[in-house]
Amino acid sequence: MKNILKTTLLLILISLLAFSLTACNKNKNDEKAILSVGNAKVPTDVFAFYLDETMQFKGSDYSEEQAIADAEVLATRYIKINTEFNRRNAALSSSEKAEIATDVNNNWNVYKKYYEKIGVSKETLTKVMTSDKYAEKLTTLVYGKGGENEKSLDSQKAYYNENYIAFKVINAYLTGEKEEDDATIKTFQDLKAKIKDDVTIDTVNAEYLTSLGENPDSEMDITVMKKGSELYTEDFFNKVHALNNGEITIITSEDFIFLVQKIDGSSLFNTYQSTILAAMAGDDFKTYVDGLYKEDTVSSNASMEKSCYNTIEKAKFK
């Protein structure tokens, strides 16, 4: 009898342990959903992705309860965005789908081992990034021409001109050694002086890179930067923004030197219009999404959420 009891208890413990370790790897067809919005179930792997997102910013005053609550908000928006996108019979273009596939591959190649530990698969990334693209398209439908919260084309262009810069740039690293850095600065001053008449920044860039043993393209890429981006400093943005189109300057920071030419970015407006609308909408879009399908009850499985949290917490320190 004692042996039977021990065996039974052991089986129960094994069962509980298995649940704990696989709470973020539940089959998508499981009857119990980690989170439900009306009749729609949030896949457990998707919830794990959003929970991991919230936990990345976890500080000493950021509790487990708050991390889960914030993940619930993100997962609920995921369902509402997908539902609204489909309700409007919207669709993604082939180029947008290709962009998603590229982003998924890039992220998976870098974070595959970690994602697998928390129950996030390549398919999960596709789900999440597809929903992100849905959100971008919905922003255009809501705030673009003919949308219920339409923002005028003039206001969009004004926002673009105020908050975006387009430029071509040649850069080099400053080592902190005075003689070496002085030589680099002199080189950049000489390059700047050559740019006139038929000699373009593309020409001097090719000359500079060739001198370093590199094989440059015949034409440089145009970089578009939003104010506040981490791509370059705020000081860099302000100095380039203040230039006239076509004007060239040299900008130095603590570690880098830049030879920059401001480009007229008006022709690029259409390329970035959906991004501009998203930036202009800001938190208004989140409020808009949160207001959708208010009649749908949101319910969660606390034990599954906690197990998922523990799985991610454990993976973070391995």
Protein backbone atom coordinates (compact mmCIF):
# COMPACT_ATOMS: atom_id res chain seq x y z
CA MET A 1 0.00 0.00 0.00
CA LYS A 2 2.83 2.37 0.93
CA ASN A 3 4.58 1.63 -2.35
CA ILE A 4 1.39 2.36 -4.31
CA LEU A 5 0.98 5.66 -2.41
CA LYS A 6 4.61 6.64 -3.06
CA THR A 7 4.23 5.82 -6.73
CA THR A 8 1.04 7.88 -6.96
CA LEU A 9 2.66 10.88 -5.25
CA LEU A 10 5.68 10.58 -7.50
CA LEU A 11 3.50 10.60 -10.60
CA ILE A 12 1.67 13.69 -9.34
CA LEU A 13 4.96 15.50 -8.71
CA ILE A 14 6.26 14.56 -12.15
CA SER A 15 3.02 15.82 -13.68
CA LEU A 16 3.25 19.15 -11.85
CA LEU A 17 6.88 19.55 -12.82
CA ALA A 18 6.10 18.87 -16.45
CA PHE A 19 3.35 21.52 -16.36
CA SER A 20 5.74 24.05 -14.82
CA LEU A 21 8.41 23.48 -17.44
CA THR A 22 6.07 23.50 -20.42
CA ALA A 23 3.63 26.23 -19.46
CA CYS A 24 5.09 28.43 -22.21
CA ASN A 25 5.03 25.54 -24.68
CA LYS A 26 1.36 24.58 -24.52
CA ASN A 27 -0.19 23.24 -27.70
CA LYS A 28 -2.23 25.90 -29.50
CA ASN A 29 -5.24 23.59 -29.47
CA ASP A 30 -5.30 23.23 -25.68
CA GLU A 31 -8.77 23.82 -24.22
CA LYS A 32 -7.40 26.09 -21.50
CA ALA A 33 -6.20 29.42 -22.84
CA ILE A 34 -3.63 31.47 -21.02
CA LEU A 35 -5.65 34.55 -22.03
CA SER A 36 -8.99 34.96 -23.79
CA VAL A 37 -10.59 38.04 -25.34
CA GLY A 38 -14.22 37.19 -25.94
CA ASN A 39 -14.16 33.98 -27.95
CA ALA A 40 -10.61 34.54 -29.18
CA LYS A 41 -7.74 32.79 -27.44
CA VAL A 42 -4.26 34.25 -27.18
CA PRO A 43 -1.77 31.52 -28.14
CA THR A 44 0.49 30.72 -25.19
CA ASP A 45 3.62 31.26 -27.26
CA VAL A 46 2.40 34.75 -28.21
CA PHE A 47 1.71 35.57 -24.57
CA ALA A 48 5.21 34.32 -23.71
CA PHE A 49 6.68 36.68 -26.29
CA TYR A 50 4.85 39.70 -24.86
CA LEU A 51 5.61 38.69 -21.28
CA ASP A 52 9.29 38.44 -22.14
CA GLU A 53 9.05 41.90 -23.72
CA THR A 54 7.71 43.39 -20.49
CA MET A 55 10.21 41.50 -18.35
CA GLN A 56 13.16 42.90 -20.30
CA PHE A 57 12.43 46.27 -18.69
CA LYS A 58 11.98 44.82 -15.24
CA GLY A 59 13.62 46.90 -12.52
CA SER A 60 13.73 46.40 -8.78
CA ASP A 61 10.34 48.09 -8.41
CA TYR A 62 8.73 46.18 -11.31
CA SER A 63 6.79 43.25 -9.86
CA GLU A 64 5.79 39.93 -11.34
CA GLU A 65 2.15 41.02 -11.14
CA GLN A 66 2.88 44.21 -13.09
CA ALA A 67 4.86 42.34 -15.76
CA ILE A 68 1.98 39.92 -16.29
CA ALA A 69 -0.59 42.74 -16.30
CA ASP A 70 1.40 44.66 -18.94
CA ALA A 71 1.75 41.49 -21.03
CA GLU A 72 -2.02 41.02 -20.84
CA VAL A 73 -2.50 44.52 -22.28
CA LEU A 74 -0.15 43.77 -25.18
CA ALA A 75 -1.71 40.36 -25.86
CA THR A 76 -5.22 41.83 -25.74
CA ARG A 77 -4.21 44.48 -28.28
CA TYR A 78 -2.77 41.68 -30.43
CA ILE A 79 -6.22 40.03 -30.60
CA LYS A 80 -8.08 43.30 -31.19
CA ILE A 81 -5.70 44.46 -33.93
CA ASN A 82 -5.96 41.12 -35.75
CA THR A 83 -9.74 41.08 -35.39
CA GLU A 84 -10.18 44.65 -36.63
CA PHE A 85 -7.78 44.15 -39.53
CA ASN A 86 -9.77 41.14 -40.71
CA ARG A 87 -13.11 42.90 -40.11
CA ARG A 88 -12.04 45.63 -42.51
CA ASN A 89 -11.02 43.00 -45.10
CA ALA A 90 -7.57 44.58 -45.20
CA ALA A 91 -4.63 42.74 -46.71
CA LEU A 92 -0.85 42.83 -46.75
CA SER A 93 1.05 43.21 -49.98
CA SER A 94 3.61 40.66 -51.13
CA SER A 95 6.40 43.14 -50.35
CA GLU A 96 5.08 43.61 -46.80
CA LYS A 97 4.97 39.86 -46.29
CA ALA A 98 8.53 39.61 -47.58
CA GLU A 99 9.58 42.33 -45.13
CA ILE A 100 8.02 40.37 -42.27
CA ALA A 101 9.84 37.19 -43.36
CA THR A 102 13.16 39.05 -43.43
CA ASP A 103 12.62 40.55 -39.97
CA VAL A 104 11.60 37.15 -38.58
CA ASN A 105 14.70 35.48 -39.97
CA ASN A 106 16.99 38.21 -38.64
CA ASN A 107 15.53 38.00 -35.13
CA TRP A 108 15.42 34.21 -35.10
CA ASN A 109 19.03 33.91 -36.20
CA VAL A 110 20.15 36.10 -33.30
CA TYR A 111 17.85 34.97 -30.48
CA LYS A 112 16.89 31.40 -31.47
CA LYS A 113 18.41 29.62 -28.46
CA TYR A 114 16.85 31.99 -25.95
CA TYR A 115 13.44 31.99 -27.65
CA GLU A 116 13.36 28.20 -27.65
CA LYS A 117 13.90 28.20 -23.89
CA ILE A 118 10.80 30.33 -23.30
CA GLY A 119 8.56 28.55 -25.80
CA VAL A 120 8.78 31.14 -28.59
CA SER A 121 9.22 29.69 -32.07
CA LYS A 122 9.90 31.14 -35.49
CA GLU A 123 6.16 30.80 -36.11
CA THR A 124 5.56 32.90 -32.99
CA LEU A 125 7.72 35.70 -34.36
CA THR A 126 5.77 35.57 -37.62
CA LYS A 127 2.48 35.90 -35.71
CA VAL A 128 3.70 38.87 -33.68
CA MET A 129 5.42 40.70 -36.53
CA THR A 130 2.44 40.14 -38.81
CA SER A 131 0.23 41.71 -36.16
CA ASP A 132 2.68 44.63 -35.93
CA LYS A 133 2.29 45.13 -39.68
CA TYR A 134 -1.49 44.92 -39.29
CA ALA A 135 -1.24 47.72 -36.71
CA GLU A 136 0.76 49.83 -39.13
CA LYS A 137 -1.84 49.33 -41.86
CA LEU A 138 -4.69 50.05 -39.46
CA THR A 139 -3.01 53.31 -38.50
CA THR A 140 -3.11 54.36 -42.14
CA LEU A 141 -6.76 53.31 -42.44
CA VAL A 142 -7.77 55.22 -39.30
CA TYR A 143 -5.60 58.34 -39.59
CA GLY A 144 -4.91 58.48 -43.34
CA LYS A 145 -7.05 59.88 -46.13
CA GLY A 146 -10.72 59.07 -45.57
CA GLY A 147 -10.09 57.57 -42.12
CA GLU A 148 -12.35 58.28 -39.16
CA ASN A 149 -9.54 60.24 -37.45
CA GLU A 150 -7.97 61.62 -40.63
CA LYS A 151 -4.86 63.77 -40.33
CA SER A 152 -4.45 66.21 -43.21
CA LEU A 153 -1.71 65.71 -45.77
CA ASP A 154 -0.32 69.16 -44.93
CA SER A 155 -0.02 68.25 -41.24
CA GLN A 156 1.72 64.98 -42.14
CA LYS A 157 4.25 66.79 -44.34
CA ALA A 158 4.82 69.42 -41.66
CA TYR A 159 5.47 66.68 -39.11
CA TYR A 160 7.85 64.95 -41.52
CA ASN A 161 9.81 68.13 -42.21
CA GLU A 162 10.08 68.91 -38.50
CA ASN A 163 10.97 65.45 -37.23
CA TYR A 164 12.88 63.73 -40.04
CA ILE A 165 16.14 64.39 -41.86
CA ALA A 166 17.58 62.77 -44.98
CA PHE A 167 21.31 62.77 -45.58
CA LYS A 168 24.39 61.08 -46.98
CA VAL A 169 27.28 60.55 -44.58
CA ILE A 170 30.91 59.49 -44.52
CA ASN A 171 32.18 58.62 -41.05
CA ALA A 172 35.31 57.55 -39.25
CA TYR A 173 36.22 56.53 -35.73
CA LEU A 174 38.23 58.89 -33.54
CA THR A 175 40.68 56.94 -31.40
CA GLY A 176 41.44 59.60 -28.79
CA GLU A 177 45.07 59.77 -29.92
CA LYS A 178 45.66 63.45 -30.82
CA GLU A 179 48.02 63.02 -33.77
CA GLU A 180 45.93 60.25 -35.32
CA ASP A 181 42.67 62.13 -34.81
CA ASP A 182 44.13 65.37 -36.17
CA ALA A 183 45.12 63.49 -39.31
CA THR A 184 41.61 62.04 -39.67
CA ILE A 185 40.02 65.47 -39.21
CA LYS A 186 42.39 66.93 -41.83
CA THR A 187 41.42 64.14 -44.24
CA PHE A 188 37.72 64.93 -43.78
CA GLN A 189 38.35 68.66 -44.24
CA ASP A 190 40.16 67.90 -47.51
CA LEU A 191 37.28 65.68 -48.66
CA LYS A 192 34.79 68.44 -47.88
CA ALA A 193 36.82 70.99 -49.84
CA LYS A 194 36.75 68.76 -52.93
CA ILE A 195 32.94 68.67 -53.08
CA LYS A 196 32.04 71.34 -55.61
CA ASP A 197 30.92 71.65 -59.22
CA ASP A 198 30.82 68.11 -60.66
CA VAL A 199 32.56 66.51 -57.68
CA THR A 200 29.88 65.01 -55.42
CA ILE A 201 29.95 63.48 -51.96
CA ASP A 202 29.55 60.12 -53.72
CA THR A 203 32.79 60.78 -55.61
CA VAL A 204 34.85 61.65 -52.54
CA ASN A 205 33.30 58.77 -50.60
CA ALA A 206 34.48 56.37 -53.31
CA GLU A 207 37.94 57.93 -53.17
CA TYR A 208 38.07 57.71 -49.38
CA LEU A 209 36.90 54.09 -49.16
CA THR A 210 39.23 53.04 -51.98
CA SER A 211 42.14 54.53 -50.01
CA LEU A 212 41.11 52.24 -47.13
CA GLY A 213 41.15 49.21 -49.42
CA GLU A 214 37.36 48.92 -49.66
CA ASN A 215 35.15 48.59 -52.75
CA PRO A 216 32.48 51.30 -52.56
CA ASP A 217 29.22 51.44 -54.47
CA SER A 218 29.05 54.14 -57.13
CA GLU A 219 26.24 55.90 -55.27
CA MET A 220 25.83 56.29 -51.51
CA ASP A 221 22.70 55.29 -49.62
CA ILE A 222 20.42 58.02 -48.33
CA THR A 223 19.79 57.69 -44.59
CA VAL A 224 16.48 58.89 -43.16
CA MET A 225 16.50 59.58 -39.42
CA LYS A 226 13.66 60.42 -37.05
CA LYS A 227 14.24 62.87 -34.23
CA GLY A 228 14.95 60.92 -31.04
CA SER A 229 16.31 57.89 -32.89
CA GLU A 230 19.28 56.11 -31.36
CA LEU A 231 20.94 55.96 -34.78
CA TYR A 232 22.71 59.28 -34.18
CA THR A 233 22.79 61.81 -31.34
CA GLU A 234 20.29 64.62 -30.80
CA ASP A 235 23.09 67.11 -31.49
CA PHE A 236 23.74 65.40 -34.85
CA PHE A 237 20.03 65.61 -35.74
CA ASN A 238 19.80 69.30 -34.83
CA LYS A 239 22.91 70.26 -36.79
CA VAL A 240 21.82 68.41 -39.93
CA HIS A 241 18.24 69.66 -39.59
CA ALA A 242 19.53 73.25 -39.56
CA LEU A 243 21.35 72.79 -42.90
CA ASN A 244 19.89 73.81 -46.24
CA ASN A 245 19.26 71.00 -48.72
CA GLY A 246 22.55 70.12 -50.43
CA GLU A 247 24.66 71.85 -47.78
CA ILE A 248 27.66 69.97 -46.37
CA THR A 249 29.22 70.08 -42.92
CA ILE A 250 31.61 68.19 -40.67
CA ILE A 251 30.30 67.05 -37.28
CA THR A 252 32.48 65.58 -34.57
CA SER A 253 31.37 63.72 -31.48
CA GLU A 254 33.41 62.11 -28.74
CA ASP A 255 34.11 58.99 -30.80
CA PHE A 256 33.25 59.80 -34.43
CA ILE A 257 33.66 62.32 -37.18
CA PHE A 258 31.02 62.73 -39.88
CA LEU A 259 31.06 64.40 -43.27
CA VAL A 260 27.38 65.01 -43.92
CA GLN A 261 25.34 66.33 -46.81
CA LYS A 262 21.68 67.12 -46.17
CA ILE A 263 19.39 65.70 -48.87
CA ASP A 264 15.97 66.99 -49.89
CA GLY A 265 13.79 64.24 -48.40
CA SER A 266 10.48 65.42 -49.85
CA SER A 267 10.55 62.71 -52.51
CA LEU A 268 10.82 60.10 -49.74
CA PHE A 269 7.69 61.22 -47.92
CA ASN A 270 5.43 58.58 -49.46
CA THR A 271 7.85 55.82 -48.46
CA TYR A 272 7.59 56.81 -44.79
CA GLN A 273 3.96 57.97 -44.70
CA SER A 274 2.64 55.04 -42.66
CA THR A 275 5.51 55.47 -40.20
CA ILE A 276 4.75 59.19 -39.98
CA LEU A 277 1.07 58.54 -39.30
CA ALA A 278 2.00 56.02 -36.59
CA ALA A 279 4.31 58.57 -34.96
CA MET A 280 1.68 61.31 -35.16
CA ALA A 281 -1.01 59.05 -33.75
CA GLY A 282 1.21 57.89 -30.90
CA ASP A 283 -0.74 56.85 -27.80
CA ASP A 284 -4.00 57.83 -29.53
CA PHE A 285 -3.77 54.66 -31.59
CA LYS A 286 -3.33 52.53 -28.46
CA THR A 287 -6.41 54.20 -27.00
CA TYR A 288 -8.27 53.54 -30.24
CA VAL A 289 -7.34 49.83 -30.18
CA ASP A 290 -8.16 49.47 -26.48
CA GLY A 291 -11.62 50.90 -27.22
CA LEU A 292 -12.38 48.22 -29.82
CA TYR A 293 -14.67 45.32 -28.89
CA LYS A 294 -15.20 46.64 -25.36
CA GLU A 295 -18.04 44.16 -24.93
CA ASP A 296 -15.59 41.24 -25.11
CA THR A 297 -14.65 39.88 -21.71
CA VAL A 298 -10.93 39.45 -21.05
CA SER A 299 -10.11 36.45 -18.86
CA SER A 300 -6.82 34.86 -17.93
CA ASN A 301 -5.45 31.67 -16.40
CA ALA A 302 -3.33 32.91 -13.47
CA SER A 303 -1.51 29.63 -12.87
CA MET A 304 -0.45 29.36 -16.52
CA GLU A 305 0.69 32.97 -16.52
CA LYS A 306 2.76 32.44 -13.37
CA SER A 307 4.36 29.28 -14.77
CA CYS A 308 5.18 31.14 -17.96
CA TYR A 309 6.72 33.95 -15.91
CA ASN A 310 8.86 31.46 -13.97
CA THR A 311 10.05 29.82 -17.19
CA ILE A 312 11.17 33.16 -18.62
CA GLU A 313 12.73 34.27 -15.35
CA LYS A 314 14.76 31.05 -15.22
CA ALA A 315 15.83 31.36 -18.86
CA LYS A 316 17.09 34.89 -18.36
CA PHE A 317 19.77 33.74 -15.94
CA LYS A 318 21.05 30.71 -17.83
